[in-house]
Amino acid sequence: MIGIELFSGAGGLSLGAQRAGIEVSHAVEISEPAAATFSYNHPLSEMIVSDIRKISGSDFGSVGRPTILFGGPPCQGFSTSNQKNRSLNNPNNWLFFEFLRIVEELQPEVVLFENVAGITHTEKGFFEKSLVGKLHDLGYFVDSILAEGTKLGLPQRRVRYFCVGTKRKPVSLSKIALSNEIVTVRDAIGDLAQLKVGHAIDRMPYASKPHSAYARDLRENQKESTGNIVTLNAPHIIERYKHVPQGGNWSDIPSHLMGSYKDPRRCHTGIYRRLKFDEPSIVLGNFRKNMLIHPTQDRGLSVREAARIQGFPDSYRFFGSIGKQQQQVGNAVPPLMAEKVFRCIIDQIN
């Protein structure tokens, strides 16, 4: 099949699609740094750097083969962590309908929509009902699932919503291959270089042999990794890190050190969370803004550590400022989750 990705970001969905045997011909992304990341890592795919509202189905040409259109519109308006803007009034939410517009214009054989779990209940399920209803109206069989990362072999408790539409025959996403093994943060990043706050040397040798099959697979026989860059935090933030044990969060920090917060008690549990080495990670999301802390080092996560927890291979390069790279990694669909979803679909329609 030929794949076309909308709202591609860094390309996690496309990487999963390629691993499942889908040739990704085109991708659309408005952010230039994310588009640069995608283009570097997917050199055979045509990147269209544009606002989705300026794109039409004809922009992808005549591919001549069965097509699967996939993508995940910006999820800030559906996220449960965004209580202020989870409504019909958030303009990001309406990009969701641009995805459906392209589906209607292109009429692909398969559609895969991905997003955060919050889409199922934002505005009392309005967006999910609109998605399923529109796909039915366009002649698709529809199925959906909330997939949990640790059950798919990811070292992260990340839940994503997947909805598939198929023209020829229905498929069941409940048939996604599950993993019996729990992958921990140590399994994922324990072999990476020791770093300090503000570390800015991108390419570093590994600190040890891989701690797991998961890490070995992501290393792909490389001698060193890229993305070993860490945010340069202010001294008062570094001091806060020192008080947080593994599994702890902002509530472990003495109140006199939290003076920059108007009311620290209103912080959510993910703020200043130190990851546990021997458990899967919490959801990364905006790991820089949330000040997620390395399990044993008093610093934030490096881009590469976050990419490992997201399931990107060490050969995958990210471009742009450190903030842009962190955003790309945190926003990405984990390629391992994507691959298993695509394989589930392909196995049933072939």
C-alpha atoms as a PDB file:
ATOM      1  CA  MET A   1       0.000   0.000   0.000  1.00  0.00           C
ATOM      2  CA  ILE A   2       0.902   3.643  -0.413  1.00  0.00           C
ATOM      3  CA  GLY A   3       0.732   5.769   2.716  1.00  0.00           C
ATOM      4  CA  ILE A   4      -0.016   9.495   3.053  1.00  0.00           C
ATOM      5  CA  GLU A   5       0.420  11.186   6.427  1.00  0.00           C
ATOM      6  CA  LEU A   6      -1.268  14.412   7.511  1.00  0.00           C
ATOM      7  CA  PHE A   7       0.003  16.403  10.528  1.00  0.00           C
ATOM      8  CA  SER A   8       3.159  14.280  10.361  1.00  0.00           C
ATOM      9  CA  GLY A   9       5.298  16.016  12.981  1.00  0.00           C
ATOM     10  CA  ALA A  10       8.610  14.183  13.317  1.00  0.00           C
ATOM     11  CA  GLY A  11       7.208  11.091  11.599  1.00  0.00           C
ATOM     12  CA  GLY A  12       6.487   8.496  14.280  1.00  0.00           C
ATOM     13  CA  LEU A  13       3.374   7.235  12.490  1.00  0.00           C
ATOM     14  CA  SER A  14       5.198   7.034   9.170  1.00  0.00           C
ATOM     15  CA  LEU A  15       8.069   5.095  10.709  1.00  0.00           C
ATOM     16  CA  GLY A  16       5.589   2.580  12.093  1.00  0.00           C
ATOM     17  CA  ALA A  17       3.856   2.387   8.709  1.00  0.00           C
ATOM     18  CA  GLN A  18       7.128   1.737   6.879  1.00  0.00           C
ATOM     19  CA  ARG A  19       8.063  -1.011   9.325  1.00  0.00           C
ATOM     20  CA  ALA A  20       4.708  -2.618   8.561  1.00  0.00           C
ATOM     21  CA  GLY A  21       5.513  -2.620   4.835  1.00  0.00           C
ATOM     22  CA  ILE A  22       3.730   0.562   3.746  1.00  0.00           C
ATOM     23  CA  GLU A  23       5.530   2.892   1.356  1.00  0.00           C
ATOM     24  CA  VAL A  24       4.877   6.457   2.543  1.00  0.00           C
ATOM     25  CA  SER A  25       4.706   8.642  -0.549  1.00  0.00           C
ATOM     26  CA  HIS A  26       3.704  12.014   0.961  1.00  0.00           C
ATOM     27  CA  ALA A  27       3.533  13.823   4.276  1.00  0.00           C
ATOM     28  CA  VAL A  28       2.105  17.205   5.277  1.00  0.00           C
ATOM     29  CA  GLU A  29       3.452  19.288   8.167  1.00  0.00           C
ATOM     30  CA  ILE A  30       3.281  23.026   8.883  1.00  0.00           C
ATOM     31  CA  SER A  31       6.253  23.273  11.285  1.00  0.00           C
ATOM     32  CA  GLU A  32       9.537  23.671   9.413  1.00  0.00           C
ATOM     33  CA  PRO A  33      11.757  22.066  12.104  1.00  0.00           C
ATOM     34  CA  ALA A  34       9.462  19.039  12.318  1.00  0.00           C
ATOM     35  CA  ALA A  35       9.317  18.861   8.518  1.00  0.00           C
ATOM     36  CA  ALA A  36      13.123  18.915   8.412  1.00  0.00           C
ATOM     37  CA  THR A  37      13.215  16.026  10.887  1.00  0.00           C
ATOM     38  CA  PHE A  38      10.726  14.073   8.823  1.00  0.00           C
ATOM     39  CA  SER A  39      12.538  14.712   5.536  1.00  0.00           C
ATOM     40  CA  TYR A  40      15.926  13.660   6.902  1.00  0.00           C
ATOM     41  CA  ASN A  41      14.594  10.393   8.281  1.00  0.00           C
ATOM     42  CA  HIS A  42      12.179   9.651   5.413  1.00  0.00           C
ATOM     43  CA  PRO A  43      14.145  10.724   2.319  1.00  0.00           C
ATOM     44  CA  LEU A  44      11.931   8.776  -0.113  1.00  0.00           C
ATOM     45  CA  SER A  45       8.750  10.544   1.000  1.00  0.00           C
ATOM     46  CA  GLU A  46       7.681  13.894  -0.454  1.00  0.00           C
ATOM     47  CA  MET A  47       7.258  16.438   2.326  1.00  0.00           C
ATOM     48  CA  ILE A  48       4.689  19.195   1.783  1.00  0.00           C
ATOM     49  CA  VAL A  49       5.380  22.031   4.228  1.00  0.00           C
ATOM     50  CA  SER A  50       2.036  23.771   4.371  1.00  0.00           C
ATOM     51  CA  ASP A  51      -1.047  24.627   6.370  1.00  0.00           C
ATOM     52  CA  ILE A  52      -3.473  21.708   5.993  1.00  0.00           C
ATOM     53  CA  ARG A  53      -6.221  24.197   5.116  1.00  0.00           C
ATOM     54  CA  LYS A  54      -4.359  24.963   1.896  1.00  0.00           C
ATOM     55  CA  ILE A  55      -4.035  21.294   0.899  1.00  0.00           C
ATOM     56  CA  SER A  56      -6.436  19.309  -1.269  1.00  0.00           C
ATOM     57  CA  GLY A  57      -6.620  15.644  -2.218  1.00  0.00           C
ATOM     58  CA  SER A  58      -5.278  16.454  -5.692  1.00  0.00           C
ATOM     59  CA  ASP A  59      -1.948  17.596  -4.197  1.00  0.00           C
ATOM     60  CA  PHE A  60      -0.942  13.972  -3.724  1.00  0.00           C
ATOM     61  CA  GLY A  61      -1.209  13.072  -7.398  1.00  0.00           C
ATOM     62  CA  SER A  62      -2.354   9.728  -8.737  1.00  0.00           C
ATOM     63  CA  VAL A  63      -0.559   7.045  -6.748  1.00  0.00           C
ATOM     64  CA  GLY A  64      -2.020   4.123  -8.730  1.00  0.00           C
ATOM     65  CA  ARG A  65      -2.074   1.770  -5.759  1.00  0.00           C
ATOM     66  CA  PRO A  66      -4.360   1.230  -2.755  1.00  0.00           C
ATOM     67  CA  THR A  67      -3.847   4.123  -0.340  1.00  0.00           C
ATOM     68  CA  ILE A  68      -3.938   4.433   3.418  1.00  0.00           C
ATOM     69  CA  LEU A  69      -4.379   7.984   4.698  1.00  0.00           C
ATOM     70  CA  PHE A  70      -3.328   8.483   8.294  1.00  0.00           C
ATOM     71  CA  GLY A  71      -2.580  11.210  10.798  1.00  0.00           C
ATOM     72  CA  GLY A  72      -3.280  12.790  14.148  1.00  0.00           C
ATOM     73  CA  PRO A  73      -4.451  16.431  14.222  1.00  0.00           C
ATOM     74  CA  PRO A  74      -2.989  18.575  17.042  1.00  0.00           C
ATOM     75  CA  CYS A  75      -4.261  17.119  20.288  1.00  0.00           C
ATOM     76  CA  GLN A  76      -3.896  20.054  22.708  1.00  0.00           C
ATOM     77  CA  GLY A  77      -7.621  20.717  22.519  1.00  0.00           C
ATOM     78  CA  PHE A  78      -8.497  17.112  23.378  1.00  0.00           C
ATOM     79  CA  SER A  79      -5.888  16.496  26.074  1.00  0.00           C
ATOM     80  CA  THR A  80      -7.094  15.955  29.633  1.00  0.00           C
ATOM     81  CA  SER A  81      -4.154  18.082  30.823  1.00  0.00           C
ATOM     82  CA  ASN A  82      -5.553  21.098  28.951  1.00  0.00           C
ATOM     83  CA  GLN A  83      -8.658  21.830  31.006  1.00  0.00           C
ATOM     84  CA  LYS A  84      -8.921  25.478  29.919  1.00  0.00           C
ATOM     85  CA  ASN A  85      -9.275  24.825  26.180  1.00  0.00           C
ATOM     86  CA  ARG A  86     -10.958  21.428  25.891  1.00  0.00           C
ATOM     87  CA  SER A  87     -13.957  22.732  24.023  1.00  0.00           C
ATOM     88  CA  LEU A  88     -15.479  23.444  20.644  1.00  0.00           C
ATOM     89  CA  ASN A  89     -14.023  26.946  20.891  1.00  0.00           C
ATOM     90  CA  ASN A  90     -10.405  25.781  20.617  1.00  0.00           C
ATOM     91  CA  PRO A  91      -9.382  26.450  16.986  1.00  0.00           C
ATOM     92  CA  ASN A  92      -6.941  23.518  17.074  1.00  0.00           C
ATOM     93  CA  ASN A  93      -9.874  21.171  17.502  1.00  0.00           C
ATOM     94  CA  TRP A  94     -11.294  22.194  14.160  1.00  0.00           C
ATOM     95  CA  LEU A  95      -8.205  20.986  12.310  1.00  0.00           C
ATOM     96  CA  PHE A  96      -9.774  17.615  12.993  1.00  0.00           C
ATOM     97  CA  PHE A  97     -12.354  18.419  10.304  1.00  0.00           C
ATOM     98  CA  GLU A  98      -9.591  19.232   7.812  1.00  0.00           C
ATOM     99  CA  PHE A  99      -8.487  15.613   8.176  1.00  0.00           C
ATOM    100  CA  LEU A 100     -12.020  14.468   7.319  1.00  0.00           C
ATOM    101  CA  ARG A 101     -12.137  16.856   4.360  1.00  0.00           C
ATOM    102  CA  ILE A 102      -9.035  15.247   2.849  1.00  0.00           C
ATOM    103  CA  VAL A 103     -10.542  11.801   3.454  1.00  0.00           C
ATOM    104  CA  GLU A 104     -13.638  12.828   1.510  1.00  0.00           C
ATOM    105  CA  GLU A 105     -11.615  14.291  -1.356  1.00  0.00           C
ATOM    106  CA  LEU A 106      -9.083  11.463  -1.617  1.00  0.00           C
ATOM    107  CA  GLN A 107     -11.374   8.493  -0.836  1.00  0.00           C
ATOM    108  CA  PRO A 108      -8.493   6.226   0.274  1.00  0.00           C
ATOM    109  CA  GLU A 109      -9.057   2.501   0.734  1.00  0.00           C
ATOM    110  CA  VAL A 110      -8.017   2.765   4.392  1.00  0.00           C
ATOM    111  CA  VAL A 111      -8.083   5.632   6.911  1.00  0.00           C
ATOM    112  CA  LEU A 112      -6.259   5.614  10.250  1.00  0.00           C
ATOM    113  CA  PHE A 113      -6.915   8.435  12.699  1.00  0.00           C
ATOM    114  CA  GLU A 114      -4.777   8.756  15.844  1.00  0.00           C
ATOM    115  CA  ASN A 115      -5.128  11.001  18.882  1.00  0.00           C
ATOM    116  CA  VAL A 116      -5.128  11.259  22.662  1.00  0.00           C
ATOM    117  CA  ALA A 117      -7.639   9.323  24.730  1.00  0.00           C
ATOM    118  CA  GLY A 118      -9.357  12.592  25.652  1.00  0.00           C
ATOM    119  CA  ILE A 119     -10.995  12.789  22.242  1.00  0.00           C
ATOM    120  CA  THR A 120     -13.470  10.129  23.375  1.00  0.00           C
ATOM    121  CA  HIS A 121     -15.049  12.426  25.972  1.00  0.00           C
ATOM    122  CA  THR A 122     -14.197  16.023  24.996  1.00  0.00           C
ATOM    123  CA  GLU A 123     -17.501  17.873  24.540  1.00  0.00           C
ATOM    124  CA  LYS A 124     -19.324  14.668  25.599  1.00  0.00           C
ATOM    125  CA  GLY A 125     -17.732  12.687  22.780  1.00  0.00           C
ATOM    126  CA  PHE A 126     -18.688  15.165  20.043  1.00  0.00           C
ATOM    127  CA  PHE A 127     -15.457  14.762  18.064  1.00  0.00           C
ATOM    128  CA  GLU A 128     -15.305  10.973  18.177  1.00  0.00           C
ATOM    129  CA  LYS A 129     -18.975  10.725  17.197  1.00  0.00           C
ATOM    130  CA  SER A 130     -18.332  13.149  14.311  1.00  0.00           C
ATOM    131  CA  LEU A 131     -15.342  11.096  13.150  1.00  0.00           C
ATOM    132  CA  VAL A 132     -17.146   7.761  13.229  1.00  0.00           C
ATOM    133  CA  GLY A 133     -20.314   9.203  11.723  1.00  0.00           C
ATOM    134  CA  LYS A 134     -18.486  10.856   8.815  1.00  0.00           C
ATOM    135  CA  LEU A 135     -16.494   7.726   8.012  1.00  0.00           C
ATOM    136  CA  HIS A 136     -19.708   5.684   8.001  1.00  0.00           C
ATOM    137  CA  ASP A 137     -21.312   8.245   5.683  1.00  0.00           C
ATOM    138  CA  LEU A 138     -18.343   7.913   3.284  1.00  0.00           C
ATOM    139  CA  GLY A 139     -18.799   4.152   3.097  1.00  0.00           C
ATOM    140  CA  TYR A 140     -16.188   2.918   5.567  1.00  0.00           C
ATOM    141  CA  PHE A 141     -16.374   0.085   8.059  1.00  0.00           C
ATOM    142  CA  VAL A 142     -15.155   1.634  11.319  1.00  0.00           C
ATOM    143  CA  ASP A 143     -13.463   0.316  14.443  1.00  0.00           C
ATOM    144  CA  SER A 144     -11.549   2.054  17.237  1.00  0.00           C
ATOM    145  CA  ILE A 145      -9.460   1.246  20.282  1.00  0.00           C
ATOM    146  CA  LEU A 146      -7.653   2.856  23.188  1.00  0.00           C
ATOM    147  CA  ALA A 147      -4.172   1.292  23.015  1.00  0.00           C
ATOM    148  CA  GLU A 148      -1.899   1.319  26.076  1.00  0.00           C
ATOM    149  CA  GLY A 149       1.840   1.566  25.439  1.00  0.00           C
ATOM    150  CA  THR A 150       3.120  -0.919  28.022  1.00  0.00           C
ATOM    151  CA  LYS A 151       0.898  -3.634  26.532  1.00  0.00           C
ATOM    152  CA  LEU A 152       2.551  -3.071  23.153  1.00  0.00           C
ATOM    153  CA  GLY A 153       6.135  -3.284  24.426  1.00  0.00           C
ATOM    154  CA  LEU A 154       6.682   0.436  25.050  1.00  0.00           C
ATOM    155  CA  PRO A 155       8.427   1.572  28.279  1.00  0.00           C
ATOM    156  CA  GLN A 156       5.747   4.213  28.834  1.00  0.00           C
ATOM    157  CA  ARG A 157       2.201   4.331  30.177  1.00  0.00           C
ATOM    158  CA  ARG A 158       0.923   6.144  27.137  1.00  0.00           C
ATOM    159  CA  VAL A 159      -2.661   5.650  25.973  1.00  0.00           C
ATOM    160  CA  ARG A 160      -3.543   6.594  22.398  1.00  0.00           C
ATOM    161  CA  TYR A 161      -6.806   6.511  20.498  1.00  0.00           C
ATOM    162  CA  PHE A 162      -6.800   4.809  17.085  1.00  0.00           C
ATOM    163  CA  CYS A 163      -9.758   4.732  14.709  1.00  0.00           C
ATOM    164  CA  VAL A 164      -9.628   2.807  11.430  1.00  0.00           C
ATOM    165  CA  GLY A 165     -11.920   3.013   8.432  1.00  0.00           C
ATOM    166  CA  THR A 166     -11.777   0.383   5.678  1.00  0.00           C
ATOM    167  CA  LYS A 167     -13.619   0.217   2.360  1.00  0.00           C
ATOM    168  CA  ARG A 168     -13.475  -3.473   1.389  1.00  0.00           C
ATOM    169  CA  LYS A 169     -14.106  -5.308   4.644  1.00  0.00           C
ATOM    170  CA  PRO A 170     -14.124  -4.570   8.367  1.00  0.00           C
ATOM    171  CA  VAL A 171     -11.082  -5.026  10.587  1.00  0.00           C
ATOM    172  CA  SER A 172     -10.848  -5.379  14.346  1.00  0.00           C
ATOM    173  CA  LEU A 173      -8.206  -3.393  16.229  1.00  0.00           C
ATOM    174  CA  SER A 174      -8.707  -5.718  19.196  1.00  0.00           C
ATOM    175  CA  LYS A 175      -6.466  -8.139  17.279  1.00  0.00           C
ATOM    176  CA  ILE A 176      -3.371  -5.956  17.793  1.00  0.00           C
ATOM    177  CA  ALA A 177      -0.493  -8.174  18.922  1.00  0.00           C
ATOM    178  CA  LEU A 178       0.160  -7.580  22.625  1.00  0.00           C
ATOM    179  CA  SER A 179       3.446  -7.935  24.502  1.00  0.00           C
ATOM    180  CA  ASN A 180       3.809 -10.055  27.639  1.00  0.00           C
ATOM    181  CA  GLU A 181       6.991  -8.284  28.720  1.00  0.00           C
ATOM    182  CA  ILE A 182       7.105  -5.048  30.717  1.00  0.00           C
ATOM    183  CA  VAL A 183       9.887  -2.735  29.509  1.00  0.00           C
ATOM    184  CA  THR A 184      11.250  -0.358  32.160  1.00  0.00           C
ATOM    185  CA  VAL A 185      12.975   3.008  31.992  1.00  0.00           C
ATOM    186  CA  ARG A 186      16.262   1.280  32.867  1.00  0.00           C
ATOM    187  CA  ASP A 187      15.726  -1.152  29.978  1.00  0.00           C
ATOM    188  CA  ALA A 188      15.181   1.797  27.674  1.00  0.00           C
ATOM    189  CA  ILE A 189      17.892   4.302  28.653  1.00  0.00           C
ATOM    190  CA  GLY A 190      20.271   2.586  31.079  1.00  0.00           C
ATOM    191  CA  ASP A 191      23.035   2.248  28.475  1.00  0.00           C
ATOM    192  CA  LEU A 192      23.060   5.906  27.417  1.00  0.00           C
ATOM    193  CA  ALA A 193      25.809   8.380  28.327  1.00  0.00           C
ATOM    194  CA  GLN A 194      25.922  10.119  31.707  1.00  0.00           C
ATOM    195  CA  LEU A 195      25.020  13.784  31.159  1.00  0.00           C
ATOM    196  CA  LYS A 196      24.707  17.011  33.126  1.00  0.00           C
ATOM    197  CA  VAL A 197      22.314  19.948  33.062  1.00  0.00           C
ATOM    198  CA  GLY A 198      22.862  21.933  29.876  1.00  0.00           C
ATOM    199  CA  HIS A 199      24.816  19.177  28.105  1.00  0.00           C
ATOM    200  CA  ALA A 200      25.186  20.339  24.497  1.00  0.00           C
ATOM    201  CA  ILE A 201      27.404  17.712  22.820  1.00  0.00           C
ATOM    202  CA  ASP A 202      24.965  16.073  20.437  1.00  0.00           C
ATOM    203  CA  ARG A 203      26.851  12.863  19.591  1.00  0.00           C
ATOM    204  CA  MET A 204      28.060  10.635  22.441  1.00  0.00           C
ATOM    205  CA  PRO A 205      29.332   7.044  22.795  1.00  0.00           C
ATOM    206  CA  TYR A 206      27.250   4.602  24.801  1.00  0.00           C
ATOM    207  CA  ALA A 207      27.998   4.148  28.504  1.00  0.00           C
ATOM    208  CA  SER A 208      27.550   0.374  28.446  1.00  0.00           C
ATOM    209  CA  LYS A 209      26.143  -2.544  26.546  1.00  0.00           C
ATOM    210  CA  PRO A 210      22.351  -2.377  26.055  1.00  0.00           C
ATOM    211  CA  HIS A 211      20.368  -3.335  29.145  1.00  0.00           C
ATOM    212  CA  SER A 212      17.608  -5.070  27.183  1.00  0.00           C
ATOM    213  CA  ALA A 213      16.491  -6.368  23.825  1.00  0.00           C
ATOM    214  CA  TYR A 214      14.461  -3.149  23.526  1.00  0.00           C
ATOM    215  CA  ALA A 215      17.608  -0.981  23.770  1.00  0.00           C
ATOM    216  CA  ARG A 216      19.607  -3.316  21.543  1.00  0.00           C
ATOM    217  CA  ASP A 217      16.993  -3.057  18.799  1.00  0.00           C
ATOM    218  CA  LEU A 218      16.983   0.754  18.977  1.00  0.00           C
ATOM    219  CA  ARG A 219      20.784   0.928  18.858  1.00  0.00           C
ATOM    220  CA  GLU A 220      20.854  -0.910  15.518  1.00  0.00           C
ATOM    221  CA  ASN A 221      24.565  -1.802  15.948  1.00  0.00           C
ATOM    222  CA  GLN A 222      25.596   1.855  16.184  1.00  0.00           C
ATOM    223  CA  LYS A 223      28.646   2.879  18.234  1.00  0.00           C
ATOM    224  CA  GLU A 224      27.171   6.163  19.477  1.00  0.00           C
ATOM    225  CA  SER A 225      23.912   8.065  19.636  1.00  0.00           C
ATOM    226  CA  THR A 226      22.801  11.592  18.772  1.00  0.00           C
ATOM    227  CA  GLY A 227      20.397  13.873  20.605  1.00  0.00           C
ATOM    228  CA  ASN A 228      22.362  13.881  23.858  1.00  0.00           C
ATOM    229  CA  ILE A 229      21.320  17.448  24.656  1.00  0.00           C
ATOM    230  CA  VAL A 230      19.749  18.608  27.913  1.00  0.00           C
ATOM    231  CA  THR A 231      17.984  21.831  28.867  1.00  0.00           C
ATOM    232  CA  LEU A 232      20.141  24.329  30.783  1.00  0.00           C
ATOM    233  CA  ASN A 233      18.016  24.937  33.866  1.00  0.00           C
ATOM    234  CA  ALA A 234      18.347  27.811  36.316  1.00  0.00           C
ATOM    235  CA  PRO A 235      20.095  27.040  39.633  1.00  0.00           C
ATOM    236  CA  HIS A 236      16.853  27.188  41.650  1.00  0.00           C
ATOM    237  CA  ILE A 237      15.295  24.521  39.422  1.00  0.00           C
ATOM    238  CA  ILE A 238      18.331  22.269  39.810  1.00  0.00           C
ATOM    239  CA  GLU A 239      18.019  22.684  43.562  1.00  0.00           C
ATOM    240  CA  ARG A 240      14.413  21.506  43.365  1.00  0.00           C
ATOM    241  CA  TYR A 241      15.475  18.369  41.490  1.00  0.00           C
ATOM    242  CA  LYS A 242      17.647  17.258  44.400  1.00  0.00           C
ATOM    243  CA  HIS A 243      14.670  16.831  46.724  1.00  0.00           C
ATOM    244  CA  VAL A 244      12.592  14.555  44.502  1.00  0.00           C
ATOM    245  CA  PRO A 245      12.993  10.770  44.955  1.00  0.00           C
ATOM    246  CA  GLN A 246      12.258   8.249  42.209  1.00  0.00           C
ATOM    247  CA  GLY A 247       8.502   8.283  41.672  1.00  0.00           C
ATOM    248  CA  GLY A 248       8.154  11.577  43.566  1.00  0.00           C
ATOM    249  CA  ASN A 249       7.005  14.933  42.247  1.00  0.00           C
ATOM    250  CA  TRP A 250       6.692  18.624  43.121  1.00  0.00           C
ATOM    251  CA  SER A 251       5.105  17.785  46.497  1.00  0.00           C
ATOM    252  CA  ASP A 252       8.487  16.487  47.723  1.00  0.00           C
ATOM    253  CA  ILE A 253      10.114  19.874  47.156  1.00  0.00           C
ATOM    254  CA  PRO A 254      10.294  22.147  50.233  1.00  0.00           C
ATOM    255  CA  SER A 255       7.729  24.928  49.968  1.00  0.00           C
ATOM    256  CA  HIS A 256      10.337  27.672  50.321  1.00  0.00           C
ATOM    257  CA  LEU A 257      11.905  26.476  47.055  1.00  0.00           C
ATOM    258  CA  MET A 258       8.603  26.722  45.160  1.00  0.00           C
ATOM    259  CA  GLY A 259       8.259  30.481  45.530  1.00  0.00           C
ATOM    260  CA  SER A 260       7.920  31.093  41.773  1.00  0.00           C
ATOM    261  CA  TYR A 261       4.613  29.210  41.782  1.00  0.00           C
ATOM    262  CA  LYS A 262       1.617  31.308  42.835  1.00  0.00           C
ATOM    263  CA  ASP A 263      -0.025  28.239  44.391  1.00  0.00           C
ATOM    264  CA  PRO A 264       2.141  25.090  44.227  1.00  0.00           C
ATOM    265  CA  ARG A 265      -0.775  22.992  45.467  1.00  0.00           C
ATOM    266  CA  ARG A 266      -2.421  23.440  42.073  1.00  0.00           C
ATOM    267  CA  CYS A 267       0.456  21.710  40.261  1.00  0.00           C
ATOM    268  CA  HIS A 268      -0.597  18.433  38.633  1.00  0.00           C
ATOM    269  CA  THR A 269       1.125  15.195  39.629  1.00  0.00           C
ATOM    270  CA  GLY A 270       3.352  15.137  36.531  1.00  0.00           C
ATOM    271  CA  ILE A 271       5.230  18.318  37.470  1.00  0.00           C
ATOM    272  CA  TYR A 272       8.784  17.636  38.679  1.00  0.00           C
ATOM    273  CA  ARG A 273       8.146  13.885  38.465  1.00  0.00           C
ATOM    274  CA  ARG A 274      11.310  11.820  38.773  1.00  0.00           C
ATOM    275  CA  LEU A 275      11.029   8.674  36.712  1.00  0.00           C
ATOM    276  CA  LYS A 276      11.513   5.273  38.327  1.00  0.00           C
ATOM    277  CA  PHE A 277      14.259   3.186  36.764  1.00  0.00           C
ATOM    278  CA  ASP A 278      12.494  -0.121  37.383  1.00  0.00           C
ATOM    279  CA  GLU A 279       9.070   0.826  36.052  1.00  0.00           C
ATOM    280  CA  PRO A 280       7.744   2.131  32.733  1.00  0.00           C
ATOM    281  CA  SER A 281       7.744   5.904  32.357  1.00  0.00           C
ATOM    282  CA  ILE A 282       4.735   8.109  32.876  1.00  0.00           C
ATOM    283  CA  VAL A 283       3.484   9.814  29.703  1.00  0.00           C
ATOM    284  CA  LEU A 284       6.220  12.081  28.334  1.00  0.00           C
ATOM    285  CA  GLY A 285       4.102  14.726  26.601  1.00  0.00           C
ATOM    286  CA  ASN A 286       5.735  18.111  27.135  1.00  0.00           C
ATOM    287  CA  PHE A 287       8.571  16.671  29.230  1.00  0.00           C
ATOM    288  CA  ARG A 288      10.525  19.951  29.274  1.00  0.00           C
ATOM    289  CA  LYS A 289       7.619  22.079  30.534  1.00  0.00           C
ATOM    290  CA  ASN A 290       6.715  19.413  33.116  1.00  0.00           C
ATOM    291  CA  MET A 291      10.348  19.216  34.295  1.00  0.00           C
ATOM    292  CA  LEU A 292      10.468  15.412  34.160  1.00  0.00           C
ATOM    293  CA  ILE A 293      13.587  14.286  36.008  1.00  0.00           C
ATOM    294  CA  HIS A 294      16.094  11.570  35.147  1.00  0.00           C
ATOM    295  CA  PRO A 295      15.843   8.630  37.600  1.00  0.00           C
ATOM    296  CA  THR A 296      19.303   9.078  39.148  1.00  0.00           C
ATOM    297  CA  GLN A 297      20.746  12.322  37.777  1.00  0.00           C
ATOM    298  CA  ASP A 298      19.536  15.771  38.878  1.00  0.00           C
ATOM    299  CA  ARG A 299      18.530  17.018  35.447  1.00  0.00           C
ATOM    300  CA  GLY A 300      15.818  16.799  32.848  1.00  0.00           C
ATOM    301  CA  LEU A 301      15.703  14.120  30.185  1.00  0.00           C
ATOM    302  CA  SER A 302      17.878  14.445  27.116  1.00  0.00           C
ATOM    303  CA  VAL A 303      16.276  14.425  23.677  1.00  0.00           C
ATOM    304  CA  ARG A 304      17.702  10.941  23.071  1.00  0.00           C
ATOM    305  CA  GLU A 305      16.441   9.547  26.375  1.00  0.00           C
ATOM    306  CA  ALA A 306      12.945  10.812  25.597  1.00  0.00           C
ATOM    307  CA  ALA A 307      13.209   9.426  22.060  1.00  0.00           C
ATOM    308  CA  ARG A 308      14.214   6.018  23.482  1.00  0.00           C
ATOM    309  CA  ILE A 309      11.183   6.019  25.786  1.00  0.00           C
ATOM    310  CA  GLN A 310       9.064   6.917  22.759  1.00  0.00           C
ATOM    311  CA  GLY A 311      10.595   4.047  20.788  1.00  0.00           C
ATOM    312  CA  PHE A 312      12.606   5.934  18.146  1.00  0.00           C
ATOM    313  CA  PRO A 313      15.802   4.212  16.965  1.00  0.00           C
ATOM    314  CA  ASP A 314      19.087   5.930  17.783  1.00  0.00           C
ATOM    315  CA  SER A 315      19.643   6.570  14.080  1.00  0.00           C
ATOM    316  CA  TYR A 316      16.643   8.921  14.067  1.00  0.00           C
ATOM    317  CA  ARG A 317      17.828  12.558  14.010  1.00  0.00           C
ATOM    318  CA  PHE A 318      15.832  15.533  15.261  1.00  0.00           C
ATOM    319  CA  PHE A 319      16.300  19.085  13.983  1.00  0.00           C
ATOM    320  CA  GLY A 320      15.663  22.605  15.245  1.00  0.00           C
ATOM    321  CA  SER A 321      16.374  24.233  18.602  1.00  0.00           C
ATOM    322  CA  ILE A 322      16.484  22.021  21.684  1.00  0.00           C
ATOM    323  CA  GLY A 323      12.977  23.195  22.543  1.00  0.00           C
ATOM    324  CA  LYS A 324      11.698  22.260  19.072  1.00  0.00           C
ATOM    325  CA  GLN A 325      13.371  18.845  19.262  1.00  0.00           C
ATOM    326  CA  GLN A 326      11.845  18.183  22.680  1.00  0.00           C
ATOM    327  CA  GLN A 327       8.441  19.186  21.367  1.00  0.00           C
ATOM    328  CA  GLN A 328       8.764  16.893  18.348  1.00  0.00           C
ATOM    329  CA  VAL A 329       9.681  13.902  20.496  1.00  0.00           C
ATOM    330  CA  GLY A 330       6.981  14.529  23.089  1.00  0.00           C
ATOM    331  CA  ASN A 331       4.261  15.041  20.470  1.00  0.00           C
ATOM    332  CA  ALA A 332       5.195  12.019  18.373  1.00  0.00           C
ATOM    333  CA  VAL A 333       3.217   8.823  18.031  1.00  0.00           C
ATOM    334  CA  PRO A 334       5.492   6.045  19.350  1.00  0.00           C
ATOM    335  CA  PRO A 335       6.640   4.136  16.236  1.00  0.00           C
ATOM    336  CA  LEU A 336       6.310   0.766  17.996  1.00  0.00           C
ATOM    337  CA  MET A 337       2.640   1.416  18.777  1.00  0.00           C
ATOM    338  CA  ALA A 338       2.055   2.644  15.226  1.00  0.00           C
ATOM    339  CA  GLU A 339       3.758  -0.393  13.688  1.00  0.00           C
ATOM    340  CA  LYS A 340       1.579  -2.828  15.626  1.00  0.00           C
ATOM    341  CA  VAL A 341      -1.589  -0.976  14.653  1.00  0.00           C
ATOM    342  CA  PHE A 342      -0.617  -0.903  10.979  1.00  0.00           C
ATOM    343  CA  ARG A 343       0.340  -4.593  11.006  1.00  0.00           C
ATOM    344  CA  CYS A 344      -2.998  -5.445  12.570  1.00  0.00           C
ATOM    345  CA  ILE A 345      -4.805  -3.617   9.766  1.00  0.00           C
ATOM    346  CA  ILE A 346      -2.664  -4.965   6.921  1.00  0.00           C
ATOM    347  CA  ASP A 347      -2.934  -8.564   8.139  1.00  0.00           C
ATOM    348  CA  GLN A 348      -6.722  -8.363   8.017  1.00  0.00           C
ATOM    349  CA  ILE A 349      -7.242  -6.620   4.678  1.00  0.00           C
ATOM    350  CA  ASN A 350      -4.768  -8.725   2.678  1.00  0.00           C
END
